[in-house]
Protein backbone atom coordinates (compact mmCIF):
# COMPACT_ATOMS: atom_id res chain seq x y z
CA MET A 1 -16.33 12.62 -27.09
CA VAL A 2 -16.69 9.11 -28.05
CA LEU A 3 -18.34 6.05 -25.89
CA HIS A 4 -16.68 3.06 -23.76
CA GLY A 5 -17.35 -0.21 -25.72
CA LEU A 6 -20.89 0.05 -26.27
CA LEU A 7 -23.19 -1.85 -23.89
CA PRO A 8 -26.15 -4.80 -26.29
CA ARG A 9 -28.42 -3.49 -23.56
CA PRO A 10 -27.84 -0.41 -21.31
CA LEU A 11 -26.84 -1.77 -16.86
CA SER A 12 -28.61 -0.20 -14.11
CA ALA A 13 -25.96 3.21 -12.85
CA ASN A 14 -26.20 1.11 -9.19
CA ASP A 15 -25.16 -1.91 -11.35
CA VAL A 16 -21.87 -1.10 -12.34
CA VAL A 17 -19.22 0.97 -10.84
CA VAL A 18 -14.70 1.63 -12.09
CA GLY A 19 -12.26 -0.69 -9.95
CA GLN A 20 -15.37 -3.91 -10.14
CA LEU A 21 -14.09 -7.24 -10.43
CA LEU A 22 -16.65 -9.55 -12.23
CA THR A 23 -17.87 -12.52 -13.60
CA HIS A 24 -19.93 -11.83 -16.17
CA PRO A 25 -19.91 -8.54 -18.01
CA LEU A 26 -23.45 -7.79 -18.81
CA HIS A 27 -24.75 -9.55 -15.73
CA PRO A 28 -22.91 -7.61 -12.96
CA GLU A 29 -25.78 -9.02 -10.11
CA LYS A 30 -24.61 -12.71 -11.09
CA ASP A 31 -21.23 -12.63 -8.83
CA GLY A 32 -18.79 -9.61 -8.29
CA PHE A 33 -16.04 -7.86 -5.67
CA TYR A 34 -15.91 -4.51 -5.27
CA SER A 35 -12.66 -3.29 -2.32
CA GLU A 36 -13.72 -0.59 0.24
CA LEU A 37 -9.45 -1.51 0.45
CA ALA A 38 -8.73 0.59 -2.73
CA HIS A 39 -11.91 2.92 -3.07
CA SER A 40 -10.17 6.18 -2.43
CA GLU A 41 -7.14 4.71 -4.54
CA VAL A 42 -9.10 3.39 -7.96
CA ASP A 43 -11.26 7.01 -7.49
CA ASP A 44 -7.72 9.74 -6.83
CA LEU A 45 -6.71 7.57 -10.53
CA ASN A 46 -10.21 8.21 -12.30
CA ASP A 47 -10.84 11.10 -14.67
CA TYR A 48 -14.15 12.68 -15.09
CA HIS A 49 -15.79 14.07 -18.37
CA ILE A 50 -19.53 16.42 -18.19
CA GLN A 51 -21.09 16.19 -21.41
CA LEU A 52 -24.97 18.79 -21.63
CA ARG A 53 -27.09 18.21 -24.25
CA TYR A 54 -25.88 14.93 -25.73
CA LYS A 55 -26.31 13.63 -28.91
CA ASP A 56 -25.61 10.55 -31.00
CA ILE A 57 -27.36 7.37 -33.62
CA PHE A 58 -27.19 4.07 -32.73
CA SER A 59 -27.33 0.88 -34.93
CA VAL A 60 -29.77 -1.91 -33.81
CA ASP A 61 -28.50 -5.51 -35.16
CA GLN A 62 -31.45 -7.90 -36.44
CA GLU A 63 -31.56 -9.29 -32.58
CA GLY A 64 -32.43 -5.91 -31.50
CA ARG A 65 -29.24 -5.31 -30.03
CA PHE A 66 -27.33 -2.07 -29.58
CA MET A 67 -24.96 -2.48 -31.84
CA THR A 68 -22.59 0.98 -33.34
CA ASN A 69 -22.64 4.48 -32.02
CA TYR A 70 -21.89 7.08 -34.59
CA GLY A 71 -21.81 10.03 -32.93
CA ALA A 72 -23.63 13.06 -33.17
CA LYS A 73 -21.45 14.02 -36.67
CA PHE A 74 -21.95 11.00 -38.05
CA ASP A 75 -19.99 9.80 -41.49
CA LEU A 76 -22.49 9.71 -44.07
CA GLY A 77 -20.89 6.30 -45.77
CA ARG A 78 -21.01 4.36 -42.76
CA ILE A 79 -24.65 4.62 -41.66
CA TYR A 80 -26.28 4.68 -45.09
CA ARG A 81 -26.72 1.81 -45.62
CA GLN A 82 -28.10 0.94 -42.29
CA PRO A 83 -31.90 -0.19 -42.26
CA ASN A 84 -31.71 0.14 -38.42
CA LEU A 85 -30.76 3.24 -36.75
CA LEU A 86 -32.14 5.16 -33.28
CA THR A 87 -31.75 8.65 -32.58
CA VAL A 88 -30.25 9.12 -29.46
CA THR A 89 -30.42 12.24 -26.94
CA ALA A 90 -29.80 12.99 -23.45
CA GLU A 91 -29.70 15.07 -20.49
CA GLN A 92 -25.86 15.21 -19.91
CA MET A 93 -23.56 12.28 -20.57
CA ILE A 94 -20.77 11.32 -18.07
CA GLN A 95 -18.13 8.93 -18.35
CA ARG A 96 -15.73 7.94 -15.55
CA THR A 97 -12.79 6.77 -16.88
CA SER A 98 -9.60 5.27 -15.32
CA GLN A 99 -5.99 7.55 -16.20
CA ARG A 100 -4.30 4.49 -15.52
CA PRO A 101 -5.93 1.54 -16.05
CA ALA A 102 -3.24 -1.53 -15.01
CA GLU A 103 -2.31 0.40 -11.70
CA THR A 104 -6.49 0.28 -10.69
CA PHE A 105 -6.54 -2.74 -11.01
CA GLU A 106 -2.81 -2.99 -9.11
CA ALA A 107 -4.92 -1.56 -6.17
CA VAL A 108 -7.71 -3.51 -6.65
CA ALA A 109 -5.29 -6.73 -6.52
CA ASN A 110 -3.39 -5.45 -3.43
CA ASP A 111 -6.59 -6.26 -1.89
CA PRO A 112 -6.34 -9.69 0.46
CA GLU A 113 -9.78 -10.02 -0.14
CA ALA A 114 -9.82 -9.27 -3.55
CA ARG A 115 -7.48 -11.63 -4.20
CA GLN A 116 -8.75 -14.65 -1.97
CA TRP A 117 -12.41 -13.74 -4.92
CA LEU A 118 -9.65 -14.70 -7.77
CA TYR A 119 -8.22 -17.61 -6.86
CA ASN A 120 -11.91 -18.68 -5.89
CA VAL A 121 -12.99 -18.03 -9.47
CA ALA A 122 -9.92 -19.37 -10.52
CA LYS A 123 -10.81 -22.52 -8.83
CA GLU A 124 -14.11 -22.85 -10.56
CA GLY A 125 -12.67 -21.82 -14.18
CA LYS A 126 -14.64 -18.86 -14.51
CA ASP A 127 -13.97 -16.10 -16.75
CA MET A 128 -13.22 -12.98 -15.22
CA TYR A 129 -12.99 -9.23 -16.25
CA ILE A 130 -12.73 -5.49 -14.19
CA VAL A 131 -14.60 -2.40 -15.23
CA VAL A 132 -12.23 0.32 -15.84
CA GLY A 133 -14.45 3.16 -17.02
CA VAL A 134 -18.46 3.27 -17.66
CA THR A 135 -20.18 5.67 -19.98
CA GLU A 136 -23.78 6.62 -18.03
CA LEU A 137 -26.16 8.35 -20.26
CA LYS A 138 -29.26 10.31 -17.92
CA ASN A 139 -33.10 10.64 -19.29
CA ALA A 140 -32.02 9.57 -22.65
CA VAL A 141 -34.63 9.44 -25.29
CA PHE A 142 -34.84 7.17 -28.64
CA LYS A 143 -36.73 7.77 -31.80
CA ARG A 144 -36.48 6.33 -34.83
CA ALA A 145 -34.31 7.62 -37.55
CA LYS A 146 -34.15 7.91 -41.33
CA LEU A 147 -31.82 9.22 -43.63
CA GLN A 148 -33.72 11.69 -46.08
CA ASP A 149 -33.07 13.00 -49.96
CA ALA A 150 -31.91 9.14 -49.95
CA GLY A 151 -28.72 10.17 -48.21
CA ALA A 152 -28.08 12.70 -50.38
CA SER A 153 -27.37 14.02 -46.84
CA LYS A 154 -27.47 13.88 -42.86
CA ARG A 155 -30.88 15.61 -42.58
CA LEU A 156 -33.01 12.38 -40.38
CA ASN A 157 -35.89 11.83 -40.15
CA GLU A 158 -37.09 10.85 -36.77
CA LEU A 159 -40.62 8.97 -35.66
CA PRO A 160 -41.46 6.99 -32.18
CA ILE A 161 -39.45 3.56 -32.17
CA GLU A 162 -42.74 0.91 -33.62
CA LYS A 163 -45.01 -1.10 -30.93
CA GLY A 164 -43.06 -4.56 -31.24
CA ALA A 165 -39.96 -3.08 -32.96
CA LYS A 166 -36.64 -5.21 -31.97
CA VAL A 167 -35.00 -3.06 -29.84
CA PRO A 168 -33.71 -3.04 -26.29
CA ASN A 169 -36.19 -3.45 -23.85
CA ALA A 170 -35.65 -0.02 -21.52
CA VAL A 171 -35.81 1.59 -24.65
CA ARG A 172 -39.21 0.39 -25.40
CA ARG A 173 -42.17 2.28 -26.49
CA ASN A 174 -45.10 2.11 -23.17
CA SER A 175 -47.54 1.33 -24.91
CA ILE A 176 -49.51 1.28 -21.62
CA ILE A 177 -49.44 4.81 -22.49
CA GLY A 178 -48.77 5.66 -25.84
CA LEU A 179 -47.72 8.80 -25.84
CA GLY A 180 -44.93 11.44 -24.40
CA ASP A 181 -41.09 9.45 -25.19
CA ARG A 182 -39.77 7.42 -22.96
CA HIS A 183 -36.85 8.60 -20.41
CA VAL A 184 -34.14 6.53 -19.96
CA SER A 185 -31.44 6.63 -17.51
CA GLY A 186 -28.08 4.26 -17.08
CA VAL A 187 -25.01 2.71 -18.02
CA PHE A 188 -24.40 2.25 -22.13
CA GLY A 189 -20.11 1.44 -22.30
CA MET A 190 -17.89 0.53 -20.86
CA ASP A 191 -14.04 0.16 -20.58
CA VAL A 192 -14.06 -3.83 -19.34
CA ARG A 193 -11.45 -6.04 -19.23
CA ARG A 194 -10.45 -9.15 -19.71
CA VAL A 195 -8.66 -10.55 -16.96
CA VAL A 196 -6.79 -14.49 -16.26
CA ALA A 197 -5.78 -15.56 -13.56
CA ARG A 198 -4.36 -19.59 -12.28
CA ILE A 199 -2.48 -20.65 -9.49
CA THR A 200 0.32 -21.90 -10.35
CA THR A 201 3.99 -21.78 -8.76
CA PRO A 202 6.95 -19.91 -9.34
CA ALA A 203 8.43 -21.85 -11.11
CA GLU A 204 6.35 -22.94 -13.94
CA PRO A 205 6.45 -20.67 -17.39
CA HIS A 206 4.45 -18.58 -18.73
CA SER A 207 2.04 -19.84 -22.38
CA LEU A 208 1.98 -18.55 -25.83
CA SER A 209 -1.70 -17.64 -24.69
CA ASP A 210 -0.24 -15.85 -22.30
CA ILE A 211 1.30 -12.37 -24.81
CA GLY A 212 -0.74 -9.38 -24.34
CA TYR A 213 -1.77 -9.21 -20.73
CA ARG A 214 -0.14 -8.09 -18.14
CA TRP A 215 0.62 -10.38 -15.12
CA TYR A 216 1.32 -9.75 -11.74
CA TYR A 217 1.54 -12.83 -8.67
CA TYR A 218 0.28 -13.20 -5.38
CA ASP A 219 2.24 -15.85 -2.43
CA MET A 220 -0.96 -17.12 -0.89
CA PRO A 221 -0.86 -18.20 2.46
CA GLY A 222 -1.76 -21.34 4.09
CA THR A 223 -1.51 -23.29 0.44
CA THR A 224 0.63 -26.38 -0.24
CA ASN A 225 3.36 -27.00 -2.93
CA LYS A 226 3.99 -23.14 -2.29
CA GLU A 227 1.37 -21.99 -4.47
CA GLN A 228 0.95 -18.37 -6.28
CA LEU A 229 -2.08 -15.87 -7.71
CA MET A 230 -0.29 -15.27 -11.73
CA VAL A 231 -3.26 -12.49 -13.20
CA GLY A 232 -3.18 -10.99 -16.57
CA LEU A 233 -4.69 -7.62 -17.51
CA GLY A 234 -5.97 -7.70 -20.57
CA GLU A 235 -7.26 -5.05 -23.71
CA PRO A 236 -10.35 -3.63 -23.24
CA LEU A 237 -13.55 -5.84 -24.81
CA LYS A 238 -14.76 -4.64 -28.41
CA ALA A 239 -18.48 -3.67 -28.99
CA ASN A 240 -18.93 -6.71 -30.74
CA GLU A 241 -17.15 -8.27 -28.18
CA LEU A 242 -19.97 -7.42 -25.65
CA ARG A 243 -22.72 -7.50 -27.63
CA LEU A 244 -22.34 -11.64 -28.36
CA MET A 245 -21.95 -11.85 -24.94
CA LEU A 246 -25.90 -11.16 -24.67
CA ASP A 247 -28.11 -14.47 -23.92
CA LEU A 248 -31.14 -13.96 -26.00
CA SER A 249 -32.72 -16.90 -24.71
CA GLU A 250 -33.08 -14.63 -21.59
CA GLU A 251 -34.21 -11.66 -23.76
CA ASP A 252 -36.31 -13.94 -25.36
CA VAL A 253 -37.88 -14.99 -22.20
CA GLN A 254 -37.89 -11.75 -20.58
CA THR A 255 -39.99 -9.81 -23.92
CA ASN A 256 -42.45 -12.20 -24.14
CA LEU A 257 -43.25 -11.95 -20.10
CA ASP A 258 -43.63 -8.03 -21.18
CA ALA A 259 -46.40 -9.55 -23.84
CA ILE A 260 -48.40 -11.40 -21.66
CA SER A 261 -48.08 -8.64 -19.50
CA GLN A 262 -49.54 -6.47 -21.73
CA LEU A 263 -52.28 -8.38 -22.54
CA SER A 264 -53.50 -8.33 -19.71
CA LEU A 265 -53.24 -4.51 -18.66
CA ASP A 266 -54.94 -3.89 -22.09
CA ALA A 267 -58.22 -6.57 -21.07
CA LEU A 268 -58.60 -4.79 -17.11
CA GLY A 269 -58.32 -1.93 -19.61
CA ALA A 270 -60.83 -2.13 -22.02
CA ALA A 271 -62.80 -4.01 -19.00
CA ALA A 272 -62.81 -0.94 -17.21
CA SER A 273 -63.99 1.28 -20.36
CA PRO A 274 -67.06 2.55 -19.68
CA LEU A 275 -68.39 1.92 -23.12
CA LEU A 276 -69.17 -1.39 -21.34
CA ARG A 277 -71.94 -2.13 -18.68
CA PRO A 278 -71.18 -4.86 -16.37
CA SER A 279 -73.95 -7.12 -18.43
CA SER A 280 -72.08 -6.66 -21.48
CA PRO A 281 -71.64 -9.41 -22.90
CA ALA A 282 -67.48 -8.93 -23.89
CA LEU A 283 -67.39 -9.01 -19.31
CA ARG A 284 -69.78 -12.01 -18.91
CA GLY A 285 -66.96 -14.15 -21.37
CA ARG A 286 -69.91 -15.33 -24.23
CA SER A 287 -70.79 -13.98 -27.46
CA PRO A 288 -74.52 -11.65 -28.13
CA SER A 289 -77.27 -13.38 -27.94
CA PRO A 290 -78.68 -13.93 -31.46
CA HIS A 291 -80.89 -11.03 -32.80
CA PRO A 292 -85.12 -11.81 -32.09
CA LEU A 293 -85.81 -12.57 -35.22
CA LEU A 294 -83.22 -14.93 -36.07
CA ARG A 295 -83.84 -17.03 -33.03
CA ALA A 296 -86.31 -19.44 -35.01
């Protein structure tokens, strides 16, 4: 089973569900809408797939974002010259996929509250998306992978991810403990479609940019000039499109904060060491006094 569009970093499984409208696929906390009115209809359209002992290989770009997944039975030619590979093993892979995305979107848009949300976001000129599939991994473990035999075979060497490696924060090893594997659960893939919404009138024609979208039209009561909400459902976003949406400046800030926190914890750990006495110079914040014979 292939992942949906691979996310550049995992999201919390509590943050995204099938049928959810979003203004940013990688930041569901910023703004979104989920229709409780359409919940049953959306759920009936979903197909579920569960795979135990899931295995995969991810590649990571130079900025530390997940780039591509190759599957456990990978094509050697596709990964031979990839410098940053990670093996992935998970207890479970759970996929929820809408069997008919257009009907899922229509069920959501039939909710008056959803249409009002689309109308408001369209007036603000923001981008919009709808989630029609999610891939969730349970207790996933990531390790550094390198081909053995210079690529003459498909055998892989697996090693713990090194400290400070350019990988998503969620899968980085915990250097506080330094032992054992880090288990990560979350959403690693999504089928997310672009949504275009415009406030028009019935007489307004389409433009060439509207090709490739499936369009729906809704009268907006209480508006002047007989306004209508014209909403289009697009194709799935590709993994590369999702990867380029990740704000690296925010990731860098979080990485720096994590590094500062780690330094503070290391200092606390050193201070608590039984090898240091309360009177030790290291705890007084100054260098040791010179040897008595050297003071002169």
